[in-house]
Amino acid sequence: MSKRDKAYTFRDYLNEADLSDAEREEIRLDVELTRKLIEAREARGMTQRDLAEASGLKQPAIARIESMRSVPRVDTLLKLLVPLGYTLSIVPLQTDRGE
């Protein structure tokens, strides 16, 4: 059975692609960040246009971020998160030993 005969997911691609661990982690972070941003906006009942008005960004910029065609800089990310009631936080990584 070839890849074309079965569903081929993004996770499959990520696992099979010739990427370094650092590249995989960067992609995983970008995907997770985008997912959380969309969830937060939708949980507040906001459209992209509403978020644009609240953040001072343009709606097309938010659309590019949400479709992962662009990755926001930290200052832009904060402009988006604050109206949604969020901020950024740095937390320690969990290790296999639970540390």
PDB file of N, CA and C in Angstrom:
ATOM      1  N   MET A   1       0.852  -1.178   0.000  1.00  0.00           N
ATOM      2  CA  MET A   1       0.000   0.000   0.000  1.00  0.00           C
ATOM      3  C   MET A   1       0.896   1.240   0.000  1.00  0.00           C
ATOM      4  N   SER A   2       0.687   2.113  -0.957  1.00  0.00           N
ATOM      5  CA  SER A   2       1.491   3.332  -1.042  1.00  0.00           C
ATOM      6  C   SER A   2       0.884   4.420  -0.170  1.00  0.00           C
ATOM      7  N   LYS A   3       1.648   5.499  -0.001  1.00  0.00           N
ATOM      8  CA  LYS A   3       1.162   6.636   0.787  1.00  0.00           C
ATOM      9  C   LYS A   3      -0.111   7.217   0.170  1.00  0.00           C
ATOM     10  N   ARG A   4      -0.235   7.105  -1.146  1.00  0.00           N
ATOM     11  CA  ARG A   4      -1.417   7.646  -1.816  1.00  0.00           C
ATOM     12  C   ARG A   4      -2.667   6.805  -1.542  1.00  0.00           C
ATOM     13  N   ASP A   5      -2.485   5.544  -1.152  1.00  0.00           N
ATOM     14  CA  ASP A   5      -3.616   4.657  -0.891  1.00  0.00           C
ATOM     15  C   ASP A   5      -4.209   4.840   0.494  1.00  0.00           C
ATOM     16  N   LYS A   6      -3.508   5.509   1.374  1.00  0.00           N
ATOM     17  CA  LYS A   6      -4.024   5.713   2.729  1.00  0.00           C
ATOM     18  C   LYS A   6      -3.947   7.188   3.085  1.00  0.00           C
ATOM     19  N   ALA A   7      -4.657   7.550   4.112  1.00  0.00           N
ATOM     20  CA  ALA A   7      -4.609   8.929   4.570  1.00  0.00           C
ATOM     21  C   ALA A   7      -3.199   9.236   5.054  1.00  0.00           C
ATOM     22  N   TYR A   8      -2.674  10.346   4.620  1.00  0.00           N
ATOM     23  CA  TYR A   8      -1.329  10.758   4.994  1.00  0.00           C
ATOM     24  C   TYR A   8      -1.475  12.062   5.763  1.00  0.00           C
ATOM     25  N   THR A   9      -1.206  12.011   7.047  1.00  0.00           N
ATOM     26  CA  THR A   9      -1.444  13.165   7.896  1.00  0.00           C
ATOM     27  C   THR A   9      -0.189  14.024   8.038  1.00  0.00           C
ATOM     28  N   PHE A  10      -0.392  15.211   8.575  1.00  0.00           N
ATOM     29  CA  PHE A  10       0.730  16.097   8.855  1.00  0.00           C
ATOM     30  C   PHE A  10       1.691  15.428   9.834  1.00  0.00           C
ATOM     31  N   ARG A  11       1.148  14.728  10.811  1.00  0.00           N
ATOM     32  CA  ARG A  11       1.992  14.012  11.787  1.00  0.00           C
ATOM     33  C   ARG A  11       2.852  12.963  11.082  1.00  0.00           C
ATOM     34  N   ASP A  12       2.262  12.255  10.102  1.00  0.00           N
ATOM     35  CA  ASP A  12       3.040  11.286   9.320  1.00  0.00           C
ATOM     36  C   ASP A  12       4.199  11.990   8.615  1.00  0.00           C
ATOM     37  N   TYR A  13       3.876  13.110   7.963  1.00  0.00           N
ATOM     38  CA  TYR A  13       4.919  13.875   7.267  1.00  0.00           C
ATOM     39  C   TYR A  13       6.018  14.290   8.231  1.00  0.00           C
ATOM     40  N   LEU A  14       5.618  14.827   9.364  1.00  0.00           N
ATOM     41  CA  LEU A  14       6.587  15.322  10.339  1.00  0.00           C
ATOM     42  C   LEU A  14       7.489  14.193  10.829  1.00  0.00           C
ATOM     43  N   ASN A  15       6.922  13.020  11.020  1.00  0.00           N
ATOM     44  CA  ASN A  15       7.720  11.884  11.485  1.00  0.00           C
ATOM     45  C   ASN A  15       8.648  11.341  10.407  1.00  0.00           C
ATOM     46  N   GLU A  16       8.240  11.439   9.152  1.00  0.00           N
ATOM     47  CA  GLU A  16       9.022  10.862   8.070  1.00  0.00           C
ATOM     48  C   GLU A  16       9.946  11.851   7.377  1.00  0.00           C
ATOM     49  N   ALA A  17       9.688  13.132   7.508  1.00  0.00           N
ATOM     50  CA  ALA A  17      10.491  14.147   6.824  1.00  0.00           C
ATOM     51  C   ALA A  17      11.912  14.147   7.369  1.00  0.00           C
ATOM     52  N   ASP A  18      12.833  14.539   6.511  1.00  0.00           N
ATOM     53  CA  ASP A  18      14.247  14.614   6.894  1.00  0.00           C
ATOM     54  C   ASP A  18      14.485  15.939   7.611  1.00  0.00           C
ATOM     55  N   LEU A  19      14.069  15.990   8.881  1.00  0.00           N
ATOM     56  CA  LEU A  19      14.181  17.200   9.690  1.00  0.00           C
ATOM     57  C   LEU A  19      15.001  16.903  10.929  1.00  0.00           C
ATOM     58  N   SER A  20      15.681  17.930  11.407  1.00  0.00           N
ATOM     59  CA  SER A  20      16.401  17.778  12.675  1.00  0.00           C
ATOM     60  C   SER A  20      15.388  17.832  13.808  1.00  0.00           C
ATOM     61  N   ASP A  21      15.807  17.410  14.982  1.00  0.00           N
ATOM     62  CA  ASP A  21      14.926  17.500  16.153  1.00  0.00           C
ATOM     63  C   ASP A  21      14.524  18.939  16.411  1.00  0.00           C
ATOM     64  N   ALA A  22      15.461  19.870  16.224  1.00  0.00           N
ATOM     65  CA  ALA A  22      15.162  21.289  16.449  1.00  0.00           C
ATOM     66  C   ALA A  22      14.120  21.788  15.449  1.00  0.00           C
ATOM     67  N   GLU A  23      14.220  21.371  14.189  1.00  0.00           N
ATOM     68  CA  GLU A  23      13.240  21.779  13.183  1.00  0.00           C
ATOM     69  C   GLU A  23      11.866  21.199  13.490  1.00  0.00           C
ATOM     70  N   ARG A  24      11.835  19.943  13.918  1.00  0.00           N
ATOM     71  CA  ARG A  24      10.556  19.325  14.304  1.00  0.00           C
ATOM     72  C   ARG A  24       9.923  20.083  15.471  1.00  0.00           C
ATOM     73  N   GLU A  25      10.723  20.433  16.452  1.00  0.00           N
ATOM     74  CA  GLU A  25      10.211  21.146  17.619  1.00  0.00           C
ATOM     75  C   GLU A  25       9.703  22.528  17.235  1.00  0.00           C
ATOM     76  N   GLU A  26      10.392  23.205  16.342  1.00  0.00           N
ATOM     77  CA  GLU A  26       9.946  24.526  15.896  1.00  0.00           C
ATOM     78  C   GLU A  26       8.601  24.429  15.177  1.00  0.00           C
ATOM     79  N   ILE A  27       8.447  23.436  14.320  1.00  0.00           N
ATOM     80  CA  ILE A  27       7.180  23.232  13.623  1.00  0.00           C
ATOM     81  C   ILE A  27       6.077  22.896  14.620  1.00  0.00           C
ATOM     82  N   ARG A  28       6.370  22.005  15.562  1.00  0.00           N
ATOM     83  CA  ARG A  28       5.377  21.627  16.569  1.00  0.00           C
ATOM     84  C   ARG A  28       4.932  22.858  17.354  1.00  0.00           C
ATOM     85  N   LEU A  29       5.880  23.707  17.741  1.00  0.00           N
ATOM     86  CA  LEU A  29       5.562  24.918  18.492  1.00  0.00           C
ATOM     87  C   LEU A  29       4.701  25.869  17.663  1.00  0.00           C
ATOM     88  N   ASP A  30       5.056  26.061  16.395  1.00  0.00           N
ATOM     89  CA  ASP A  30       4.271  26.940  15.526  1.00  0.00           C
ATOM     90  C   ASP A  30       2.832  26.451  15.386  1.00  0.00           C
ATOM     91  N   VAL A  31       2.674  25.156  15.186  1.00  0.00           N
ATOM     92  CA  VAL A  31       1.327  24.575  15.031  1.00  0.00           C
ATOM     93  C   VAL A  31       0.532  24.739  16.328  1.00  0.00           C
ATOM     94  N   GLU A  32       1.148  24.416  17.454  1.00  0.00           N
ATOM     95  CA  GLU A  32       0.460  24.522  18.743  1.00  0.00           C
ATOM     96  C   GLU A  32       0.087  25.967  19.067  1.00  0.00           C
ATOM     97  N   LEU A  33       0.996  26.877  18.811  1.00  0.00           N
ATOM     98  CA  LEU A  33       0.746  28.297  19.064  1.00  0.00           C
ATOM     99  C   LEU A  33      -0.429  28.796  18.225  1.00  0.00           C
ATOM    100  N   THR A  34      -0.437  28.432  16.966  1.00  0.00           N
ATOM    101  CA  THR A  34      -1.525  28.847  16.078  1.00  0.00           C
ATOM    102  C   THR A  34      -2.851  28.256  16.537  1.00  0.00           C
ATOM    103  N   ARG A  35      -2.830  26.977  16.894  1.00  0.00           N
ATOM    104  CA  ARG A  35      -4.056  26.324  17.363  1.00  0.00           C
ATOM    105  C   ARG A  35      -4.607  27.018  18.604  1.00  0.00           C
ATOM    106  N   LYS A  36      -3.739  27.318  19.550  1.00  0.00           N
ATOM    107  CA  LYS A  36      -4.171  27.977  20.790  1.00  0.00           C
ATOM    108  C   LYS A  36      -4.692  29.379  20.523  1.00  0.00           C
ATOM    109  N   LEU A  37      -4.054  30.092  19.618  1.00  0.00           N
ATOM    110  CA  LEU A  37      -4.492  31.446  19.291  1.00  0.00           C
ATOM    111  C   LEU A  37      -5.902  31.418  18.706  1.00  0.00           C
ATOM    112  N   ILE A  38      -6.147  30.507  17.786  1.00  0.00           N
ATOM    113  CA  ILE A  38      -7.483  30.383  17.187  1.00  0.00           C
ATOM    114  C   ILE A  38      -8.509  29.972  18.233  1.00  0.00           C
ATOM    115  N   GLU A  39      -8.160  28.998  19.074  1.00  0.00           N
ATOM    116  CA  GLU A  39      -9.074  28.558  20.142  1.00  0.00           C
ATOM    117  C   GLU A  39      -9.432  29.716  21.065  1.00  0.00           C
ATOM    118  N   ALA A  40      -8.436  30.504  21.446  1.00  0.00           N
ATOM    119  CA  ALA A  40      -8.677  31.627  22.362  1.00  0.00           C
ATOM    120  C   ALA A  40      -9.593  32.663  21.710  1.00  0.00           C
ATOM    121  N   ARG A  41      -9.352  32.962  20.437  1.00  0.00           N
ATOM    122  CA  ARG A  41     -10.193  33.939  19.732  1.00  0.00           C
ATOM    123  C   ARG A  41     -11.629  33.431  19.638  1.00  0.00           C
ATOM    124  N   GLU A  42     -11.793  32.182  19.254  1.00  0.00           N
ATOM    125  CA  GLU A  42     -13.137  31.629  19.118  1.00  0.00           C
ATOM    126  C   GLU A  42     -13.844  31.508  20.466  1.00  0.00           C
ATOM    127  N   ALA A  43     -13.106  31.179  21.525  1.00  0.00           N
ATOM    128  CA  ALA A  43     -13.704  31.068  22.860  1.00  0.00           C
ATOM    129  C   ALA A  43     -14.244  32.414  23.334  1.00  0.00           C
ATOM    130  N   ARG A  44     -13.625  33.495  22.886  1.00  0.00           N
ATOM    131  CA  ARG A  44     -14.096  34.839  23.241  1.00  0.00           C
ATOM    132  C   ARG A  44     -15.197  35.320  22.302  1.00  0.00           C
ATOM    133  N   GLY A  45     -15.548  34.473  21.322  1.00  0.00           N
ATOM    134  CA  GLY A  45     -16.594  34.854  20.379  1.00  0.00           C
ATOM    135  C   GLY A  45     -16.169  35.955  19.439  1.00  0.00           C
ATOM    136  N   MET A  46     -14.872  36.054  19.188  1.00  0.00           N
ATOM    137  CA  MET A  46     -14.349  37.124  18.344  1.00  0.00           C
ATOM    138  C   MET A  46     -14.076  36.624  16.932  1.00  0.00           C
ATOM    139  N   THR A  47     -14.347  37.487  15.972  1.00  0.00           N
ATOM    140  CA  THR A  47     -13.936  37.222  14.597  1.00  0.00           C
ATOM    141  C   THR A  47     -12.511  37.746  14.436  1.00  0.00           C
ATOM    142  N   GLN A  48     -11.905  37.413  13.308  1.00  0.00           N
ATOM    143  CA  GLN A  48     -10.582  37.976  13.026  1.00  0.00           C
ATOM    144  C   GLN A  48     -10.663  39.493  12.970  1.00  0.00           C
ATOM    145  N   ARG A  49     -11.743  40.007  12.437  1.00  0.00           N
ATOM    146  CA  ARG A  49     -11.921  41.460  12.348  1.00  0.00           C
ATOM    147  C   ARG A  49     -12.024  42.081  13.747  1.00  0.00           C
ATOM    148  N   ASP A  50     -12.752  41.416  14.662  1.00  0.00           N
ATOM    149  CA  ASP A  50     -12.854  41.899  16.040  1.00  0.00           C
ATOM    150  C   ASP A  50     -11.468  41.946  16.688  1.00  0.00           C
ATOM    151  N   LEU A  51     -10.700  40.872  16.490  1.00  0.00           N
ATOM    152  CA  LEU A  51      -9.361  40.808  17.072  1.00  0.00           C
ATOM    153  C   LEU A  51      -8.457  41.863  16.452  1.00  0.00           C
ATOM    154  N   ALA A  52      -8.625  42.114  15.169  1.00  0.00           N
ATOM    155  CA  ALA A  52      -7.839  43.156  14.502  1.00  0.00           C
ATOM    156  C   ALA A  52      -8.100  44.509  15.150  1.00  0.00           C
ATOM    157  N   GLU A  53      -9.358  44.823  15.371  1.00  0.00           N
ATOM    158  CA  GLU A  53      -9.701  46.101  15.993  1.00  0.00           C
ATOM    159  C   GLU A  53      -9.155  46.194  17.412  1.00  0.00           C
ATOM    160  N   ALA A  54      -9.244  45.105  18.173  1.00  0.00           N
ATOM    161  CA  ALA A  54      -8.793  45.117  19.564  1.00  0.00           C
ATOM    162  C   ALA A  54      -7.269  45.139  19.680  1.00  0.00           C
ATOM    163  N   SER A  55      -6.586  44.586  18.697  1.00  0.00           N
ATOM    164  CA  SER A  55      -5.128  44.468  18.781  1.00  0.00           C
ATOM    165  C   SER A  55      -4.383  45.562  18.039  1.00  0.00           C
ATOM    166  N   GLY A  56      -5.064  46.241  17.136  1.00  0.00           N
ATOM    167  CA  GLY A  56      -4.394  47.258  16.328  1.00  0.00           C
ATOM    168  C   GLY A  56      -3.711  46.677  15.094  1.00  0.00           C
ATOM    169  N   LEU A  57      -3.897  45.393  14.858  1.00  0.00           N
ATOM    170  CA  LEU A  57      -3.350  44.768  13.656  1.00  0.00           C
ATOM    171  C   LEU A  57      -4.412  44.754  12.574  1.00  0.00           C
ATOM    172  N   LYS A  58      -4.010  44.447  11.362  1.00  0.00           N
ATOM    173  CA  LYS A  58      -4.964  44.350  10.260  1.00  0.00           C
ATOM    174  C   LYS A  58      -5.478  42.911  10.167  1.00  0.00           C
ATOM    175  N   GLN A  59      -6.737  42.763   9.775  1.00  0.00           N
ATOM    176  CA  GLN A  59      -7.345  41.445   9.677  1.00  0.00           C
ATOM    177  C   GLN A  59      -6.570  40.513   8.743  1.00  0.00           C
ATOM    178  N   PRO A  60      -6.084  40.968   7.584  1.00  0.00           N
ATOM    179  CA  PRO A  60      -5.318  40.055   6.731  1.00  0.00           C
ATOM    180  C   PRO A  60      -4.054  39.512   7.412  1.00  0.00           C
ATOM    181  N   ALA A  61      -3.443  40.307   8.287  1.00  0.00           N
ATOM    182  CA  ALA A  61      -2.260  39.834   9.022  1.00  0.00           C
ATOM    183  C   ALA A  61      -2.651  38.696   9.963  1.00  0.00           C
ATOM    184  N   ILE A  62      -3.799  38.837  10.600  1.00  0.00           N
ATOM    185  CA  ILE A  62      -4.283  37.781  11.505  1.00  0.00           C
ATOM    186  C   ILE A  62      -4.613  36.524  10.694  1.00  0.00           C
ATOM    187  N   ALA A  63      -5.215  36.701   9.525  1.00  0.00           N
ATOM    188  CA  ALA A  63      -5.532  35.556   8.659  1.00  0.00           C
ATOM    189  C   ALA A  63      -4.247  34.826   8.246  1.00  0.00           C
ATOM    190  N   ARG A  64      -3.198  35.576   7.922  1.00  0.00           N
ATOM    191  CA  ARG A  64      -1.925  34.940   7.538  1.00  0.00           C
ATOM    192  C   ARG A  64      -1.333  34.153   8.695  1.00  0.00           C
ATOM    193  N   ILE A  65      -1.438  34.693   9.906  1.00  0.00           N
ATOM    194  CA  ILE A  65      -0.924  33.993  11.088  1.00  0.00           C
ATOM    195  C   ILE A  65      -1.741  32.730  11.339  1.00  0.00           C
ATOM    196  N   GLU A  66      -3.062  32.845  11.286  1.00  0.00           N
ATOM    197  CA  GLU A  66      -3.929  31.704  11.582  1.00  0.00           C
ATOM    198  C   GLU A  66      -3.842  30.614  10.516  1.00  0.00           C
ATOM    199  N   SER A  67      -3.463  30.974   9.306  1.00  0.00           N
ATOM    200  CA  SER A  67      -3.305  29.967   8.246  1.00  0.00           C
ATOM    201  C   SER A  67      -1.857  29.489   8.153  1.00  0.00           C
ATOM    202  N   MET A  68      -1.037  29.952   9.078  1.00  0.00           N
ATOM    203  CA  MET A  68       0.378  29.576   9.184  1.00  0.00           C
ATOM    204  C   MET A  68       1.190  29.976   7.955  1.00  0.00           C
ATOM    205  N   ARG A  69       0.755  31.031   7.273  1.00  0.00           N
ATOM    206  CA  ARG A  69       1.562  31.564   6.183  1.00  0.00           C
ATOM    207  C   ARG A  69       2.586  32.551   6.704  1.00  0.00           C
ATOM    208  N   SER A  70       2.428  32.970   7.973  1.00  0.00           N
ATOM    209  CA  SER A  70       3.439  33.807   8.607  1.00  0.00           C
ATOM    210  C   SER A  70       3.494  33.462  10.091  1.00  0.00           C
ATOM    211  N   VAL A  71       4.666  33.660  10.656  1.00  0.00           N
ATOM    212  CA  VAL A  71       4.883  33.396  12.082  1.00  0.00           C
ATOM    213  C   VAL A  71       5.071  34.758  12.751  1.00  0.00           C
ATOM    214  N   PRO A  72       4.246  35.061  13.759  1.00  0.00           N
ATOM    215  CA  PRO A  72       4.333  36.389  14.372  1.00  0.00           C
ATOM    216  C   PRO A  72       5.585  36.551  15.228  1.00  0.00           C
ATOM    217  N   ARG A  73       6.103  37.774  15.240  1.00  0.00           N
ATOM    218  CA  ARG A  73       7.176  38.118  16.176  1.00  0.00           C
ATOM    219  C   ARG A  73       6.549  38.192  17.568  1.00  0.00           C
ATOM    220  N   VAL A  74       7.383  38.200  18.582  1.00  0.00           N
ATOM    221  CA  VAL A  74       6.888  38.200  19.959  1.00  0.00           C
ATOM    222  C   VAL A  74       6.017  39.433  20.225  1.00  0.00           C
ATOM    223  N   ASP A  75       6.428  40.612  19.767  1.00  0.00           N
ATOM    224  CA  ASP A  75       5.626  41.809  20.029  1.00  0.00           C
ATOM    225  C   ASP A  75       4.255  41.722  19.355  1.00  0.00           C
ATOM    226  N   THR A  76       4.202  41.157  18.163  1.00  0.00           N
ATOM    227  CA  THR A  76       2.923  40.978  17.474  1.00  0.00           C
ATOM    228  C   THR A  76       2.067  39.955  18.201  1.00  0.00           C
ATOM    229  N   LEU A  77       2.689  38.890  18.636  1.00  0.00           N
ATOM    230  CA  LEU A  77       1.967  37.858  19.378  1.00  0.00           C
ATOM    231  C   LEU A  77       1.338  38.443  20.644  1.00  0.00           C
ATOM    232  N   LEU A  78       2.086  39.265  21.348  1.00  0.00           N
ATOM    233  CA  LEU A  78       1.534  39.899  22.551  1.00  0.00           C
ATOM    234  C   LEU A  78       0.362  40.816  22.222  1.00  0.00           C
ATOM    235  N   LYS A  79       0.444  41.542  21.106  1.00  0.00           N
ATOM    236  CA  LYS A  79      -0.675  42.395  20.692  1.00  0.00           C
ATOM    237  C   LYS A  79      -1.940  41.569  20.461  1.00  0.00           C
ATOM    238  N   LEU A  80      -1.760  40.347  19.999  1.00  0.00           N
ATOM    239  CA  LEU A  80      -2.910  39.469  19.770  1.00  0.00           C
ATOM    240  C   LEU A  80      -3.404  38.830  21.056  1.00  0.00           C
ATOM    241  N   LEU A  81      -2.487  38.433  21.912  1.00  0.00           N
ATOM    242  CA  LEU A  81      -2.861  37.684  23.115  1.00  0.00           C
ATOM    243  C   LEU A  81      -3.535  38.545  24.183  1.00  0.00           C
ATOM    244  N   VAL A  82      -3.070  39.752  24.379  1.00  0.00           N
ATOM    245  CA  VAL A  82      -3.600  40.590  25.463  1.00  0.00           C
ATOM    246  C   VAL A  82      -5.110  40.814  25.327  1.00  0.00           C
ATOM    247  N   PRO A  83      -5.638  41.181  24.148  1.00  0.00           N
ATOM    248  CA  PRO A  83      -7.097  41.332  24.047  1.00  0.00           C
ATOM    249  C   PRO A  83      -7.867  40.031  24.270  1.00  0.00           C
ATOM    250  N   LEU A  84      -7.163  38.904  24.132  1.00  0.00           N
ATOM    251  CA  LEU A  84      -7.799  37.611  24.354  1.00  0.00           C
ATOM    252  C   LEU A  84      -7.684  37.168  25.806  1.00  0.00           C
ATOM    253  N   GLY A  85      -6.998  37.975  26.616  1.00  0.00           N
ATOM    254  CA  GLY A  85      -6.853  37.649  28.030  1.00  0.00           C
ATOM    255  C   GLY A  85      -5.696  36.707  28.319  1.00  0.00           C
ATOM    256  N   TYR A  86      -4.704  36.674  27.441  1.00  0.00           N
ATOM    257  CA  TYR A  86      -3.548  35.790  27.611  1.00  0.00           C
ATOM    258  C   TYR A  86      -2.256  36.580  27.572  1.00  0.00           C
ATOM    259  N   THR A  87      -1.190  35.929  27.994  1.00  0.00           N
ATOM    260  CA  THR A  87       0.159  36.449  27.854  1.00  0.00           C
ATOM    261  C   THR A  87       1.082  35.272  27.573  1.00  0.00           C
ATOM    262  N   LEU A  88       2.337  35.550  27.387  1.00  0.00           N
ATOM    263  CA  LEU A  88       3.325  34.488  27.185  1.00  0.00           C
ATOM    264  C   LEU A  88       3.965  34.144  28.510  1.00  0.00           C
ATOM    265  N   SER A  89       4.400  32.906  28.617  1.00  0.00           N
ATOM    266  CA  SER A  89       5.067  32.460  29.830  1.00  0.00           C
ATOM    267  C   SER A  89       6.151  31.465  29.435  1.00  0.00           C
ATOM    268  N   ILE A  90       7.255  31.500  30.134  1.00  0.00           N
ATOM    269  CA  ILE A  90       8.324  30.537  29.902  1.00  0.00           C
ATOM    270  C   ILE A  90       8.283  29.532  31.046  1.00  0.00           C
ATOM    271  N   VAL A  91       8.153  28.271  30.671  1.00  0.00           N
ATOM    272  CA  VAL A  91       8.050  27.206  31.665  1.00  0.00           C
ATOM    273  C   VAL A  91       9.120  26.156  31.383  1.00  0.00           C
ATOM    274  N   PRO A  92       9.572  25.472  32.415  1.00  0.00           N
ATOM    275  CA  PRO A  92      10.583  24.440  32.189  1.00  0.00           C
ATOM    276  C   PRO A  92      10.015  23.267  31.393  1.00  0.00           C
ATOM    277  N   LEU A  93      10.871  22.653  30.601  1.00  0.00           N
ATOM    278  CA  LEU A  93      10.477  21.459  29.877  1.00  0.00           C
ATOM    279  C   LEU A  93      10.334  20.295  30.827  1.00  0.00           C
ATOM    280  N   GLN A  94       9.420  19.421  30.542  1.00  0.00           N
ATOM    281  CA  GLN A  94       9.298  18.197  31.339  1.00  0.00           C
ATOM    282  C   GLN A  94      10.238  17.164  30.738  1.00  0.00           C
ATOM    283  N   THR A  95      10.942  16.469  31.583  1.00  0.00           N
ATOM    284  CA  THR A  95      11.833  15.428  31.099  1.00  0.00           C
ATOM    285  C   THR A  95      11.193  14.065  31.294  1.00  0.00           C
ATOM    286  N   ASP A  96      11.802  13.051  30.733  1.00  0.00           N
ATOM    287  CA  ASP A  96      11.286  11.690  30.874  1.00  0.00           C
ATOM    288  C   ASP A  96      11.255  11.245  32.322  1.00  0.00           C
ATOM    289  N   ARG A  97      12.117  11.839  33.129  1.00  0.00           N
ATOM    290  CA  ARG A  97      12.175  11.448  34.542  1.00  0.00           C
ATOM    291  C   ARG A  97      11.194  12.246  35.396  1.00  0.00           C
ATOM    292  N   GLY A  98      10.391  13.106  34.759  1.00  0.00           N
ATOM    293  CA  GLY A  98       9.389  13.865  35.495  1.00  0.00           C
ATOM    294  C   GLY A  98       9.963  15.070  36.223  1.00  0.00           C
ATOM    295  N   GLU A  99      11.164  15.499  35.840  1.00  0.00           N
ATOM    296  CA  GLU A  99      11.787  16.653  36.513  1.00  0.00           C
ATOM    297  C   GLU A  99      11.263  17.935  35.959  1.00  0.00           C
TER     298      GLU A  99
END
